[in-house]
Structure formats: C-alpha cells, structure tokens
Amino acid sequence: MNSIKKDLFDLFQLDKMPPEKANEMLERLASLVFQAVLVRSLPLLSEEDLTEYERITTSEDEDGATLFLFLSQKVPEFNKIVTEEAWLLRKGMEEKLG
C-alpha cells in the first residue's frame, strides 16, 4: 500500500471494516481524492508539462505511479494539496452522515 493510500486508510478508519470492504472503500476514496487533486493541479502546469501529462495518461501506467511522481515533481506543494483534499473529503462525508 502506498503512503497516500495508507494515510487514507488511517484517516477514514477503514481498519474497522472487513478487509474486503475496506479495500473496496479505499480504492473509491483514493479515486475521489485523486480526481480532486487533478482539478487543482492541472491548471498549475505549463503547456510543456500538460503535453507530458497527456503522454503519461495515454501510456500503460496502470497504477498511476508515474503520473503521481510527475505531478509531485511539477506541482508546487503537491503533497499539501493531496492532504487537503483528503481532509475535505472526510469533512464532507462527516457532514453528510451527521
């Protein structure tokens, strides 16, 4: 499990769920966070970097590791953005659940 998924696992206390359900939920949460991160990150890239982003997204990077590494190198405070989006998701979920 990569460090971001571990952080999400801990943040959302997925250890309280059965392992199969926890893994399913973790994948959903990671996808939501990553989408939010992309929305914030893509406008910060140069034209050249956007071209590289497009090349990476059309390649065989199935687990997203190459894309994640690229964004972490090109987007200022990328890790901070990831953390903020994870917390915003959790806060939003808490508000909806009461």
PDB file of N, CA and C in Angstrom:
ATOM      1  N   MET A   1       0.857  -1.175   0.000  1.00  0.00           N
ATOM      2  CA  MET A   1       0.000   0.000   0.000  1.00  0.00           C
ATOM      3  C   MET A   1       0.899   1.231   0.000  1.00  0.00           C
ATOM      4  N   ASN A   2       0.659   2.155  -0.944  1.00  0.00           N
ATOM      5  CA  ASN A   2       1.489   3.354  -0.965  1.00  0.00           C
ATOM      6  C   ASN A   2       1.128   4.272   0.200  1.00  0.00           C
ATOM      7  N   SER A   3       1.942   5.262   0.432  1.00  0.00           N
ATOM      8  CA  SER A   3       1.774   6.101   1.625  1.00  0.00           C
ATOM      9  C   SER A   3       0.475   6.890   1.613  1.00  0.00           C
ATOM     10  N   ILE A   4       0.031   7.315   0.442  1.00  0.00           N
ATOM     11  CA  ILE A   4      -1.225   8.063   0.390  1.00  0.00           C
ATOM     12  C   ILE A   4      -2.405   7.148   0.715  1.00  0.00           C
ATOM     13  N   LYS A   5      -2.381   5.957   0.168  1.00  0.00           N
ATOM     14  CA  LYS A   5      -3.462   5.031   0.489  1.00  0.00           C
ATOM     15  C   LYS A   5      -3.428   4.654   1.960  1.00  0.00           C
ATOM     16  N   LYS A   6      -2.252   4.525   2.524  1.00  0.00           N
ATOM     17  CA  LYS A   6      -2.151   4.235   3.958  1.00  0.00           C
ATOM     18  C   LYS A   6      -2.728   5.388   4.764  1.00  0.00           C
ATOM     19  N   ASP A   7      -2.409   6.618   4.357  1.00  0.00           N
ATOM     20  CA  ASP A   7      -2.960   7.790   5.046  1.00  0.00           C
ATOM     21  C   ASP A   7      -4.489   7.814   4.952  1.00  0.00           C
ATOM     22  N   LEU A   8      -5.018   7.508   3.765  1.00  0.00           N
ATOM     23  CA  LEU A   8      -6.476   7.450   3.605  1.00  0.00           C
ATOM     24  C   LEU A   8      -7.072   6.338   4.462  1.00  0.00           C
ATOM     25  N   PHE A   9      -6.410   5.192   4.484  1.00  0.00           N
ATOM     26  CA  PHE A   9      -6.861   4.060   5.290  1.00  0.00           C
ATOM     27  C   PHE A   9      -6.981   4.483   6.747  1.00  0.00           C
ATOM     28  N   ASP A  10      -5.973   5.186   7.237  1.00  0.00           N
ATOM     29  CA  ASP A  10      -5.969   5.641   8.630  1.00  0.00           C
ATOM     30  C   ASP A  10      -6.972   6.768   8.860  1.00  0.00           C
ATOM     31  N   LEU A  11      -6.984   7.734   7.948  1.00  0.00           N
ATOM     32  CA  LEU A  11      -7.855   8.901   8.090  1.00  0.00           C
ATOM     33  C   LEU A  11      -9.328   8.497   8.155  1.00  0.00           C
ATOM     34  N   PHE A  12      -9.710   7.545   7.341  1.00  0.00           N
ATOM     35  CA  PHE A  12     -11.100   7.111   7.299  1.00  0.00           C
ATOM     36  C   PHE A  12     -11.382   5.890   8.181  1.00  0.00           C
ATOM     37  N   GLN A  13     -10.385   5.503   8.974  1.00  0.00           N
ATOM     38  CA  GLN A  13     -10.519   4.405   9.938  1.00  0.00           C
ATOM     39  C   GLN A  13     -11.090   3.142   9.291  1.00  0.00           C
ATOM     40  N   LEU A  14     -10.514   2.788   8.150  1.00  0.00           N
ATOM     41  CA  LEU A  14     -11.002   1.633   7.407  1.00  0.00           C
ATOM     42  C   LEU A  14     -10.650   0.311   8.079  1.00  0.00           C
ATOM     43  N   ASP A  15      -9.787   0.358   9.079  1.00  0.00           N
ATOM     44  CA  ASP A  15      -9.451  -0.864   9.810  1.00  0.00           C
ATOM     45  C   ASP A  15     -10.652  -1.409  10.577  1.00  0.00           C
ATOM     46  N   LYS A  16     -11.691  -0.605  10.738  1.00  0.00           N
ATOM     47  CA  LYS A  16     -12.896  -1.030  11.447  1.00  0.00           C
ATOM     48  C   LYS A  16     -13.854  -1.802  10.539  1.00  0.00           C
ATOM     49  N   MET A  17     -13.505  -1.878   9.250  1.00  0.00           N
ATOM     50  CA  MET A  17     -14.347  -2.584   8.287  1.00  0.00           C
ATOM     51  C   MET A  17     -13.739  -3.950   7.975  1.00  0.00           C
ATOM     52  N   PRO A  18     -14.550  -4.864   7.470  1.00  0.00           N
ATOM     53  CA  PRO A  18     -13.977  -6.125   6.988  1.00  0.00           C
ATOM     54  C   PRO A  18     -12.961  -5.819   5.878  1.00  0.00           C
ATOM     55  N   PRO A  19     -11.871  -6.581   5.814  1.00  0.00           N
ATOM     56  CA  PRO A  19     -10.789  -6.274   4.861  1.00  0.00           C
ATOM     57  C   PRO A  19     -11.237  -6.088   3.415  1.00  0.00           C
ATOM     58  N   GLU A  20     -12.128  -6.931   2.933  1.00  0.00           N
ATOM     59  CA  GLU A  20     -12.568  -6.806   1.542  1.00  0.00           C
ATOM     60  C   GLU A  20     -13.312  -5.493   1.317  1.00  0.00           C
ATOM     61  N   LYS A  21     -14.205  -5.138   2.238  1.00  0.00           N
ATOM     62  CA  LYS A  21     -14.943  -3.878   2.146  1.00  0.00           C
ATOM     63  C   LYS A  21     -14.005  -2.688   2.297  1.00  0.00           C
ATOM     64  N   ALA A  22     -13.041  -2.811   3.193  1.00  0.00           N
ATOM     65  CA  ALA A  22     -12.082  -1.732   3.418  1.00  0.00           C
ATOM     66  C   ALA A  22     -11.267  -1.464   2.156  1.00  0.00           C
ATOM     67  N   ASN A  23     -10.827  -2.518   1.481  1.00  0.00           N
ATOM     68  CA  ASN A  23     -10.059  -2.336   0.250  1.00  0.00           C
ATOM     69  C   ASN A  23     -10.896  -1.692  -0.848  1.00  0.00           C
ATOM     70  N   GLU A  24     -12.140  -2.106  -0.952  1.00  0.00           N
ATOM     71  CA  GLU A  24     -13.051  -1.512  -1.940  1.00  0.00           C
ATOM     72  C   GLU A  24     -13.262  -0.029  -1.645  1.00  0.00           C
ATOM     73  N   MET A  25     -13.514   0.287  -0.384  1.00  0.00           N
ATOM     74  CA  MET A  25     -13.716   1.678   0.018  1.00  0.00           C
ATOM     75  C   MET A  25     -12.450   2.494  -0.202  1.00  0.00           C
ATOM     76  N   LEU A  26     -11.306   1.914   0.098  1.00  0.00           N
ATOM     77  CA  LEU A  26     -10.032   2.604  -0.088  1.00  0.00           C
ATOM     78  C   LEU A  26      -9.834   2.985  -1.548  1.00  0.00           C
ATOM     79  N   GLU A  27     -10.140   2.091  -2.456  1.00  0.00           N
ATOM     80  CA  GLU A  27      -9.999   2.386  -3.885  1.00  0.00           C
ATOM     81  C   GLU A  27     -10.927   3.517  -4.305  1.00  0.00           C
ATOM     82  N   ARG A  28     -12.144   3.514  -3.799  1.00  0.00           N
ATOM     83  CA  ARG A  28     -13.098   4.592  -4.109  1.00  0.00           C
ATOM     84  C   ARG A  28     -12.614   5.931  -3.568  1.00  0.00           C
ATOM     85  N   LEU A  29     -12.163   5.927  -2.322  1.00  0.00           N
ATOM     86  CA  LEU A  29     -11.678   7.165  -1.705  1.00  0.00           C
ATOM     87  C   LEU A  29     -10.455   7.698  -2.438  1.00  0.00           C
ATOM     88  N   ALA A  30      -9.530   6.812  -2.768  1.00  0.00           N
ATOM     89  CA  ALA A  30      -8.319   7.231  -3.482  1.00  0.00           C
ATOM     90  C   ALA A  30      -8.677   7.849  -4.821  1.00  0.00           C
ATOM     91  N   SER A  31      -9.649   7.271  -5.496  1.00  0.00           N
ATOM     92  CA  SER A  31     -10.079   7.801  -6.791  1.00  0.00           C
ATOM     93  C   SER A  31     -10.688   9.196  -6.635  1.00  0.00           C
ATOM     94  N   LEU A  32     -11.531   9.370  -5.631  1.00  0.00           N
ATOM     95  CA  LEU A  32     -12.147  10.683  -5.394  1.00  0.00           C
ATOM     96  C   LEU A  32     -11.104  11.749  -5.055  1.00  0.00           C
ATOM     97  N   VAL A  33     -10.177  11.384  -4.192  1.00  0.00           N
ATOM     98  CA  VAL A  33      -9.128  12.328  -3.808  1.00  0.00           C
ATOM     99  C   VAL A  33      -8.267  12.669  -5.019  1.00  0.00           C
ATOM    100  N   PHE A  34      -7.898  11.660  -5.796  1.00  0.00           N
ATOM    101  CA  PHE A  34      -7.043  11.904  -6.952  1.00  0.00           C
ATOM    102  C   PHE A  34      -7.735  12.798  -7.969  1.00  0.00           C
ATOM    103  N   GLN A  35      -9.030  12.617  -8.188  1.00  0.00           N
ATOM    104  CA  GLN A  35      -9.768  13.480  -9.108  1.00  0.00           C
ATOM    105  C   GLN A  35      -9.746  14.931  -8.622  1.00  0.00           C
ATOM    106  N   ALA A  36      -9.961  15.129  -7.336  1.00  0.00           N
ATOM    107  CA  ALA A  36      -9.936  16.483  -6.770  1.00  0.00           C
ATOM    108  C   ALA A  36      -8.542  17.095  -6.886  1.00  0.00           C
ATOM    109  N   VAL A  37      -7.532  16.273  -6.676  1.00  0.00           N
ATOM    110  CA  VAL A  37      -6.149  16.747  -6.794  1.00  0.00           C
ATOM    111  C   VAL A  37      -5.854  17.164  -8.236  1.00  0.00           C
ATOM    112  N   LEU A  38      -6.321  16.392  -9.184  1.00  0.00           N
ATOM    113  CA  LEU A  38      -6.114  16.750 -10.594  1.00  0.00           C
ATOM    114  C   LEU A  38      -6.775  18.079 -10.940  1.00  0.00           C
ATOM    115  N   VAL A  39      -7.975  18.296 -10.435  1.00  0.00           N
ATOM    116  CA  VAL A  39      -8.678  19.548 -10.697  1.00  0.00           C
ATOM    117  C   VAL A  39      -7.858  20.742 -10.203  1.00  0.00           C
ATOM    118  N   ARG A  40      -7.210  20.582  -9.086  1.00  0.00           N
ATOM    119  CA  ARG A  40      -6.387  21.670  -8.548  1.00  0.00           C
ATOM    120  C   ARG A  40      -5.011  21.745  -9.190  1.00  0.00           C
ATOM    121  N   SER A  41      -4.470  20.619  -9.625  1.00  0.00           N
ATOM    122  CA  SER A  41      -3.093  20.561 -10.109  1.00  0.00           C
ATOM    123  C   SER A  41      -2.937  20.932 -11.579  1.00  0.00           C
ATOM    124  N   LEU A  42      -3.831  20.485 -12.419  1.00  0.00           N
ATOM    125  CA  LEU A  42      -3.661  20.695 -13.859  1.00  0.00           C
ATOM    126  C   LEU A  42      -3.532  22.165 -14.261  1.00  0.00           C
ATOM    127  N   PRO A  43      -4.296  23.070 -13.668  1.00  0.00           N
ATOM    128  CA  PRO A  43      -4.131  24.483 -14.048  1.00  0.00           C
ATOM    129  C   PRO A  43      -2.755  25.063 -13.680  1.00  0.00           C
ATOM    130  N   LEU A  44      -2.027  24.387 -12.822  1.00  0.00           N
ATOM    131  CA  LEU A  44      -0.712  24.873 -12.399  1.00  0.00           C
ATOM    132  C   LEU A  44       0.415  24.427 -13.326  1.00  0.00           C
ATOM    133  N   LEU A  45       0.104  23.546 -14.276  1.00  0.00           N
ATOM    134  CA  LEU A  45       1.128  23.023 -15.180  1.00  0.00           C
ATOM    135  C   LEU A  45       1.341  23.941 -16.379  1.00  0.00           C
ATOM    136  N   SER A  46       2.575  23.984 -16.853  1.00  0.00           N
ATOM    137  CA  SER A  46       2.900  24.723 -18.068  1.00  0.00           C
ATOM    138  C   SER A  46       2.371  23.957 -19.277  1.00  0.00           C
ATOM    139  N   GLU A  47       2.381  24.597 -20.443  1.00  0.00           N
ATOM    140  CA  GLU A  47       1.953  23.913 -21.667  1.00  0.00           C
ATOM    141  C   GLU A  47       2.803  22.668 -21.922  1.00  0.00           C
ATOM    142  N   GLU A  48       4.091  22.806 -21.703  1.00  0.00           N
ATOM    143  CA  GLU A  48       5.006  21.670 -21.890  1.00  0.00           C
ATOM    144  C   GLU A  48       4.678  20.535 -20.921  1.00  0.00           C
ATOM    145  N   ASP A  49       4.408  20.892 -19.688  1.00  0.00           N
ATOM    146  CA  ASP A  49       4.059  19.888 -18.690  1.00  0.00           C
ATOM    147  C   ASP A  49       2.712  19.236 -19.000  1.00  0.00           C
ATOM    148  N   LEU A  50       1.770  20.012 -19.542  1.00  0.00           N
ATOM    149  CA  LEU A  50       0.481  19.439 -19.924  1.00  0.00           C
ATOM    150  C   LEU A  50       0.643  18.415 -21.045  1.00  0.00           C
ATOM    151  N   THR A  51       1.551  18.688 -21.962  1.00  0.00           N
ATOM    152  CA  THR A  51       1.842  17.734 -23.022  1.00  0.00           C
ATOM    153  C   THR A  51       2.401  16.440 -22.441  1.00  0.00           C
ATOM    154  N   GLU A  52       3.299  16.573 -21.490  1.00  0.00           N
ATOM    155  CA  GLU A  52       3.863  15.397 -20.824  1.00  0.00           C
ATOM    156  C   GLU A  52       2.780  14.663 -20.028  1.00  0.00           C
ATOM    157  N   TYR A  53       1.902  15.398 -19.373  1.00  0.00           N
ATOM    158  CA  TYR A  53       0.779  14.803 -18.640  1.00  0.00           C
ATOM    159  C   TYR A  53      -0.071  13.948 -19.583  1.00  0.00           C
ATOM    160  N   GLU A  54      -0.393  14.500 -20.739  1.00  0.00           N
ATOM    161  CA  GLU A  54      -1.200  13.764 -21.722  1.00  0.00           C
ATOM    162  C   GLU A  54      -0.479  12.495 -22.184  1.00  0.00           C
ATOM    163  N   ARG A  55       0.834  12.586 -22.384  1.00  0.00           N
ATOM    164  CA  ARG A  55       1.598  11.417 -22.797  1.00  0.00           C
ATOM    165  C   ARG A  55       1.536  10.336 -21.716  1.00  0.00           C
ATOM    166  N   ILE A  56       1.691  10.743 -20.472  1.00  0.00           N
ATOM    167  CA  ILE A  56       1.665   9.786 -19.363  1.00  0.00           C
ATOM    168  C   ILE A  56       0.293   9.138 -19.235  1.00  0.00           C
ATOM    169  N   THR A  57      -0.751   9.939 -19.369  1.00  0.00           N
ATOM    170  CA  THR A  57      -2.097   9.394 -19.177  1.00  0.00           C
ATOM    171  C   THR A  57      -2.528   8.467 -20.303  1.00  0.00           C
ATOM    172  N   THR A  58      -1.873   8.540 -21.430  1.00  0.00           N
ATOM    173  CA  THR A  58      -2.207   7.631 -22.530  1.00  0.00           C
ATOM    174  C   THR A  58      -1.264   6.429 -22.568  1.00  0.00           C
ATOM    175  N   SER A  59      -0.353   6.337 -21.611  1.00  0.00           N
ATOM    176  CA  SER A  59       0.570   5.204 -21.567  1.00  0.00           C
ATOM    177  C   SER A  59      -0.012   4.095 -20.692  1.00  0.00           C
ATOM    178  N   GLU A  60       0.754   3.078 -20.467  1.00  0.00           N
ATOM    179  CA  GLU A  60       0.325   1.902 -19.703  1.00  0.00           C
ATOM    180  C   GLU A  60       0.631   2.046 -18.206  1.00  0.00           C
ATOM    181  N   ASP A  61       0.386   3.178 -17.635  1.00  0.00           N
ATOM    182  CA  ASP A  61       0.656   3.429 -16.220  1.00  0.00           C
ATOM    183  C   ASP A  61      -0.567   3.013 -15.400  1.00  0.00           C
ATOM    184  N   GLU A  62      -0.765   1.730 -15.241  1.00  0.00           N
ATOM    185  CA  GLU A  62      -1.994   1.220 -14.650  1.00  0.00           C
ATOM    186  C   GLU A  62      -2.203   1.611 -13.192  1.00  0.00           C
ATOM    187  N   ASP A  63      -1.152   1.676 -12.414  1.00  0.00           N
ATOM    188  CA  ASP A  63      -1.342   2.012 -11.003  1.00  0.00           C
ATOM    189  C   ASP A  63      -1.206   3.504 -10.723  1.00  0.00           C
ATOM    190  N   GLY A  64      -0.898   4.289 -11.737  1.00  0.00           N
ATOM    191  CA  GLY A  64      -0.804   5.733 -11.581  1.00  0.00           C
ATOM    192  C   GLY A  64       0.483   6.215 -10.960  1.00  0.00           C
ATOM    193  N   ALA A  65       1.436   5.338 -10.725  1.00  0.00           N
ATOM    194  CA  ALA A  65       2.673   5.724 -10.047  1.00  0.00           C
ATOM    195  C   ALA A  65       3.469   6.754 -10.846  1.00  0.00           C
ATOM    196  N   THR A  66       3.551   6.568 -12.154  1.00  0.00           N
ATOM    197  CA  THR A  66       4.308   7.510 -12.983  1.00  0.00           C
ATOM    198  C   THR A  66       3.647   8.885 -12.973  1.00  0.00           C
ATOM    199  N   LEU A  67       2.345   8.910 -13.101  1.00  0.00           N
ATOM    200  CA  LEU A  67       1.610  10.171 -13.088  1.00  0.00           C
ATOM    201  C   LEU A  67       1.754  10.861 -11.734  1.00  0.00           C
ATOM    202  N   PHE A  68       1.639  10.098 -10.674  1.00  0.00           N
ATOM    203  CA  PHE A  68       1.770  10.667  -9.338  1.00  0.00           C
ATOM    204  C   PHE A  68       3.162  11.266  -9.138  1.00  0.00           C
ATOM    205  N   LEU A  69       4.186  10.553  -9.553  1.00  0.00           N
ATOM    206  CA  LEU A  69       5.551  11.055  -9.435  1.00  0.00           C
ATOM    207  C   LEU A  69       5.725  12.327 -10.253  1.00  0.00           C
ATOM    208  N   PHE A  70       5.224  12.329 -11.476  1.00  0.00           N
ATOM    209  CA  PHE A  70       5.310  13.501 -12.343  1.00  0.00           C
ATOM    210  C   PHE A  70       4.658  14.721 -11.682  1.00  0.00           C
ATOM    211  N   LEU A  71       3.439  14.545 -11.204  1.00  0.00           N
ATOM    212  CA  LEU A  71       2.735  15.674 -10.580  1.00  0.00           C
ATOM    213  C   LEU A  71       3.445  16.148  -9.320  1.00  0.00           C
ATOM    214  N   SER A  72       3.975  15.221  -8.551  1.00  0.00           N
ATOM    215  CA  SER A  72       4.667  15.620  -7.316  1.00  0.00           C
ATOM    216  C   SER A  72       5.920  16.431  -7.624  1.00  0.00           C
ATOM    217  N   GLN A  73       6.505  16.223  -8.799  1.00  0.00           N
ATOM    218  CA  GLN A  73       7.697  16.976  -9.200  1.00  0.00           C
ATOM    219  C   GLN A  73       7.346  18.321  -9.840  1.00  0.00           C
ATOM    220  N   LYS A  74       6.190  18.415 -10.456  1.00  0.00           N
ATOM    221  CA  LYS A  74       5.830  19.609 -11.230  1.00  0.00           C
ATOM    222  C   LYS A  74       4.894  20.580 -10.517  1.00  0.00           C
ATOM    223  N   VAL A  75       4.128  20.094  -9.573  1.00  0.00           N
ATOM    224  CA  VAL A  75       3.134  20.938  -8.909  1.00  0.00           C
ATOM    225  C   VAL A  75       3.659  21.375  -7.549  1.00  0.00           C
ATOM    226  N   PRO A  76       3.784  22.681  -7.361  1.00  0.00           N
ATOM    227  CA  PRO A  76       4.241  23.173  -6.049  1.00  0.00           C
ATOM    228  C   PRO A  76       3.273  22.721  -4.945  1.00  0.00           C
ATOM    229  N   GLU A  77       3.827  22.268  -3.858  1.00  0.00           N
ATOM    230  CA  GLU A  77       3.057  21.835  -2.686  1.00  0.00           C
ATOM    231  C   GLU A  77       2.043  20.731  -3.020  1.00  0.00           C
ATOM    232  N   PHE A  78       2.444  19.828  -3.901  1.00  0.00           N
ATOM    233  CA  PHE A  78       1.556  18.749  -4.325  1.00  0.00           C
ATOM    234  C   PHE A  78       1.086  17.907  -3.138  1.00  0.00           C
ATOM    235  N   ASN A  79       1.991  17.544  -2.260  1.00  0.00           N
ATOM    236  CA  ASN A  79       1.615  16.715  -1.109  1.00  0.00           C
ATOM    237  C   ASN A  79       0.628  17.434  -0.200  1.00  0.00           C
ATOM    238  N   LYS A  80       0.770  18.733  -0.096  1.00  0.00           N
ATOM    239  CA  LYS A  80      -0.166  19.528   0.703  1.00  0.00           C
ATOM    240  C   LYS A  80      -1.559  19.496   0.064  1.00  0.00           C
ATOM    241  N   ILE A  81      -1.600  19.578  -1.250  1.00  0.00           N
ATOM    242  CA  ILE A  81      -2.877  19.516  -1.967  1.00  0.00           C
ATOM    243  C   ILE A  81      -3.553  18.164  -1.722  1.00  0.00           C
ATOM    244  N   VAL A  82      -2.785  17.100  -1.796  1.00  0.00           N
ATOM    245  CA  VAL A  82      -3.329  15.758  -1.562  1.00  0.00           C
ATOM    246  C   VAL A  82      -3.908  15.667  -0.153  1.00  0.00           C
ATOM    247  N   THR A  83      -3.171  16.137   0.819  1.00  0.00           N
ATOM    248  CA  THR A  83      -3.633  16.088   2.208  1.00  0.00           C
ATOM    249  C   THR A  83      -4.899  16.917   2.402  1.00  0.00           C
ATOM    250  N   GLU A  84      -4.909  18.121   1.832  1.00  0.00           N
ATOM    251  CA  GLU A  84      -6.086  18.982   1.955  1.00  0.00           C
ATOM    252  C   GLU A  84      -7.314  18.332   1.335  1.00  0.00           C
ATOM    253  N   GLU A  85      -7.157  17.741   0.176  1.00  0.00           N
ATOM    254  CA  GLU A  85      -8.299  17.118  -0.490  1.00  0.00           C
ATOM    255  C   GLU A  85      -8.809  15.906   0.281  1.00  0.00           C
ATOM    256  N   ALA A  86      -7.920  15.153   0.875  1.00  0.00           N
ATOM    257  CA  ALA A  86      -8.340  14.010   1.690  1.00  0.00           C
ATOM    258  C   ALA A  86      -9.148  14.490   2.894  1.00  0.00           C
ATOM    259  N   TRP A  87      -8.672  15.537   3.539  1.00  0.00           N
ATOM    260  CA  TRP A  87      -9.384  16.071   4.704  1.00  0.00           C
ATOM    261  C   TRP A  87     -10.720  16.689   4.304  1.00  0.00           C
ATOM    262  N   LEU A  88     -10.755  17.366   3.152  1.00  0.00           N
ATOM    263  CA  LEU A  88     -12.019  17.939   2.678  1.00  0.00           C
ATOM    264  C   LEU A  88     -13.043  16.840   2.392  1.00  0.00           C
ATOM    265  N   LEU A  89     -12.594  15.740   1.823  1.00  0.00           N
ATOM    266  CA  LEU A  89     -13.490  14.622   1.562  1.00  0.00           C
ATOM    267  C   LEU A  89     -14.028  14.054   2.874  1.00  0.00           C
ATOM    268  N   ARG A  90     -13.138  13.867   3.824  1.00  0.00           N
ATOM    269  CA  ARG A  90     -13.578  13.333   5.118  1.00  0.00           C
ATOM    270  C   ARG A  90     -14.581  14.280   5.777  1.00  0.00           C
ATOM    271  N   LYS A  91     -14.273  15.566   5.769  1.00  0.00           N
ATOM    272  CA  LYS A  91     -15.169  16.547   6.378  1.00  0.00           C
ATOM    273  C   LYS A  91     -16.524  16.530   5.698  1.00  0.00           C
ATOM    274  N   GLY A  92     -16.525  16.462   4.372  1.00  0.00           N
ATOM    275  CA  GLY A  92     -17.775  16.406   3.626  1.00  0.00           C
ATOM    276  C   GLY A  92     -18.586  15.160   3.964  1.00  0.00           C
ATOM    277  N   MET A  93     -17.914  14.050   4.103  1.00  0.00           N
ATOM    278  CA  MET A  93     -18.599  12.808   4.447  1.00  0.00           C
ATOM    279  C   MET A  93     -19.176  12.882   5.869  1.00  0.00           C
ATOM    280  N   GLU A  94     -18.404  13.452   6.786  1.00  0.00           N
ATOM    281  CA  GLU A  94     -18.869  13.577   8.174  1.00  0.00           C
ATOM    282  C   GLU A  94     -20.112  14.455   8.239  1.00  0.00           C
ATOM    283  N   GLU A  95     -20.111  15.553   7.456  1.00  0.00           N
ATOM    284  CA  GLU A  95     -21.267  16.447   7.455  1.00  0.00           C
ATOM    285  C   GLU A  95     -22.515  15.759   6.905  1.00  0.00           C
ATOM    286  N   LYS A  96     -22.336  14.940   5.875  1.00  0.00           N
ATOM    287  CA  LYS A  96     -23.477  14.241   5.288  1.00  0.00           C
ATOM    288  C   LYS A  96     -24.000  13.139   6.201  1.00  0.00           C
ATOM    289  N   LEU A  97     -23.098  12.542   6.965  1.00  0.00           N
ATOM    290  CA  LEU A  97     -23.503  11.453   7.861  1.00  0.00           C
ATOM    291  C   LEU A  97     -24.020  11.959   9.200  1.00  0.00           C
ATOM    292  N   GLY A  98     -23.875  13.246   9.432  1.00  0.00           N
ATOM    293  CA  GLY A  98     -24.394  13.806  10.669  1.00  0.00           C
ATOM    294  C   GLY A  98     -23.300  14.029  11.618  1.00  0.00           C
TER     295      GLY A  98
END
